[in-house]
Structures are given as structure tokens and as C-alpha cells.
Amino acid sequence: MDIAFLKESQQIAHALVAKAVVKMLKDIEMQYAFGVSIGAMV
């Protein structure tokens, strides 16, 4: 495997995880999520 393939695979995996997190937050009717290091969510 070459490094470019691994980097691309990792980017795809990160995008899928982010999409899943957004869906879960929508499912529990999360209204706000702030990009702070302690992960504040309302």
C-alpha cells in the first residue's frame, strides 16, 4: 500500500465518522454544538 492511498482512506473514514456524529446529534435533537476543546454541547 502506498502512503497516498492510506491518507485518502483515513480522510474518508474521518468524513464518515463526522457524518455519523452529526446524524446522532440530530437524532437526539441537539440544537447547538460549539467547537471548543472541552466539547460543550447544548
N, C-alpha and C. Protein backbone atom coordinates (compact mmCIF):
# COMPACT_ATOMS: atom_id res chain seq x y z
N MET A 1 0.84 -1.18 0.00
CA MET A 1 0.00 0.00 0.00
C MET A 1 0.88 1.24 0.00
N ASP A 2 0.45 2.21 -0.74
CA ASP A 2 1.25 3.44 -0.70
C ASP A 2 0.63 4.45 0.27
N ILE A 3 1.41 5.41 0.64
CA ILE A 3 1.01 6.39 1.65
C ILE A 3 -0.16 7.24 1.19
N ALA A 4 -0.21 7.60 -0.09
CA ALA A 4 -1.32 8.41 -0.60
C ALA A 4 -2.64 7.68 -0.43
N PHE A 5 -2.64 6.37 -0.69
CA PHE A 5 -3.86 5.57 -0.53
C PHE A 5 -4.29 5.56 0.93
N LEU A 6 -3.34 5.37 1.83
CA LEU A 6 -3.67 5.34 3.26
C LEU A 6 -4.21 6.67 3.74
N LYS A 7 -3.62 7.77 3.29
CA LYS A 7 -4.10 9.10 3.68
C LYS A 7 -5.51 9.32 3.17
N GLU A 8 -5.77 8.93 1.92
CA GLU A 8 -7.11 9.10 1.35
C GLU A 8 -8.12 8.26 2.11
N SER A 9 -7.76 7.03 2.45
CA SER A 9 -8.65 6.15 3.21
C SER A 9 -8.96 6.74 4.57
N GLN A 10 -7.94 7.32 5.20
CA GLN A 10 -8.14 7.92 6.52
C GLN A 10 -9.06 9.13 6.43
N GLN A 11 -8.90 9.94 5.39
CA GLN A 11 -9.77 11.11 5.21
C GLN A 11 -11.22 10.68 5.01
N ILE A 12 -11.41 9.62 4.23
CA ILE A 12 -12.77 9.11 4.01
C ILE A 12 -13.36 8.61 5.32
N ALA A 13 -12.57 7.89 6.10
CA ALA A 13 -13.04 7.37 7.38
C ALA A 13 -13.42 8.52 8.31
N HIS A 14 -12.60 9.56 8.37
CA HIS A 14 -12.91 10.72 9.22
C HIS A 14 -14.22 11.37 8.78
N ALA A 15 -14.43 11.49 7.48
CA ALA A 15 -15.67 12.10 6.98
C ALA A 15 -16.88 11.26 7.36
N LEU A 16 -16.75 9.94 7.27
CA LEU A 16 -17.86 9.06 7.64
C LEU A 16 -18.18 9.14 9.12
N VAL A 17 -17.15 9.22 9.94
CA VAL A 17 -17.37 9.34 11.39
C VAL A 17 -18.04 10.68 11.70
N ALA A 18 -17.55 11.74 11.07
CA ALA A 18 -18.15 13.06 11.31
C ALA A 18 -19.62 13.07 10.89
N LYS A 19 -19.91 12.45 9.76
CA LYS A 19 -21.30 12.40 9.28
C LYS A 19 -22.16 11.61 10.27
N ALA A 20 -21.64 10.52 10.81
CA ALA A 20 -22.39 9.72 11.78
C ALA A 20 -22.64 10.50 13.06
N VAL A 21 -21.65 11.26 13.51
CA VAL A 21 -21.82 12.07 14.73
C VAL A 21 -22.90 13.13 14.52
N VAL A 22 -22.88 13.79 13.37
CA VAL A 22 -23.89 14.80 13.07
C VAL A 22 -25.28 14.17 13.07
N LYS A 23 -25.41 12.98 12.48
CA LYS A 23 -26.71 12.30 12.45
C LYS A 23 -27.18 11.96 13.86
N MET A 24 -26.27 11.47 14.69
CA MET A 24 -26.65 11.14 16.07
C MET A 24 -27.10 12.38 16.83
N LEU A 25 -26.40 13.49 16.64
CA LEU A 25 -26.78 14.72 17.32
C LEU A 25 -28.14 15.21 16.84
N LYS A 26 -28.40 15.08 15.55
CA LYS A 26 -29.72 15.46 15.03
C LYS A 26 -30.80 14.55 15.59
N ASP A 27 -30.50 13.25 15.69
CA ASP A 27 -31.48 12.29 16.20
C ASP A 27 -31.89 12.58 17.63
N ILE A 28 -30.97 13.13 18.43
CA ILE A 28 -31.34 13.46 19.82
C ILE A 28 -31.74 14.93 19.94
N GLU A 29 -31.97 15.54 18.79
CA GLU A 29 -32.44 16.92 18.71
C GLU A 29 -31.49 17.92 19.36
N MET A 30 -30.19 17.69 19.16
CA MET A 30 -29.17 18.64 19.63
C MET A 30 -29.37 19.94 18.87
N GLN A 31 -29.39 21.04 19.59
CA GLN A 31 -29.61 22.33 18.96
C GLN A 31 -28.32 23.04 18.61
N TYR A 32 -27.32 22.96 19.48
CA TYR A 32 -26.06 23.67 19.26
C TYR A 32 -24.89 22.78 19.63
N ALA A 33 -23.82 22.89 18.91
CA ALA A 33 -22.56 22.23 19.26
C ALA A 33 -21.44 23.22 18.97
N PHE A 34 -20.68 23.56 19.98
CA PHE A 34 -19.62 24.55 19.82
C PHE A 34 -18.28 23.85 19.69
N GLY A 35 -17.45 24.33 18.80
CA GLY A 35 -16.14 23.75 18.58
C GLY A 35 -15.12 24.21 19.59
N VAL A 36 -15.30 23.81 20.83
CA VAL A 36 -14.34 24.16 21.87
C VAL A 36 -13.66 22.89 22.36
N SER A 37 -12.49 23.03 22.92
CA SER A 37 -11.69 21.86 23.30
C SER A 37 -12.37 20.98 24.35
N ILE A 38 -13.24 21.53 25.17
CA ILE A 38 -13.90 20.71 26.19
C ILE A 38 -15.19 20.09 25.66
N GLY A 39 -15.56 20.37 24.43
CA GLY A 39 -16.70 19.74 23.80
C GLY A 39 -18.05 20.19 24.30
N ALA A 40 -18.23 21.47 24.53
CA ALA A 40 -19.51 21.98 25.03
C ALA A 40 -20.64 21.74 24.04
N MET A 41 -21.73 21.19 24.53
CA MET A 41 -22.91 20.96 23.69
C MET A 41 -24.15 21.30 24.50
N VAL A 42 -25.15 21.85 23.80
CA VAL A 42 -26.40 22.26 24.45
C VAL A 42 -27.55 21.54 23.79
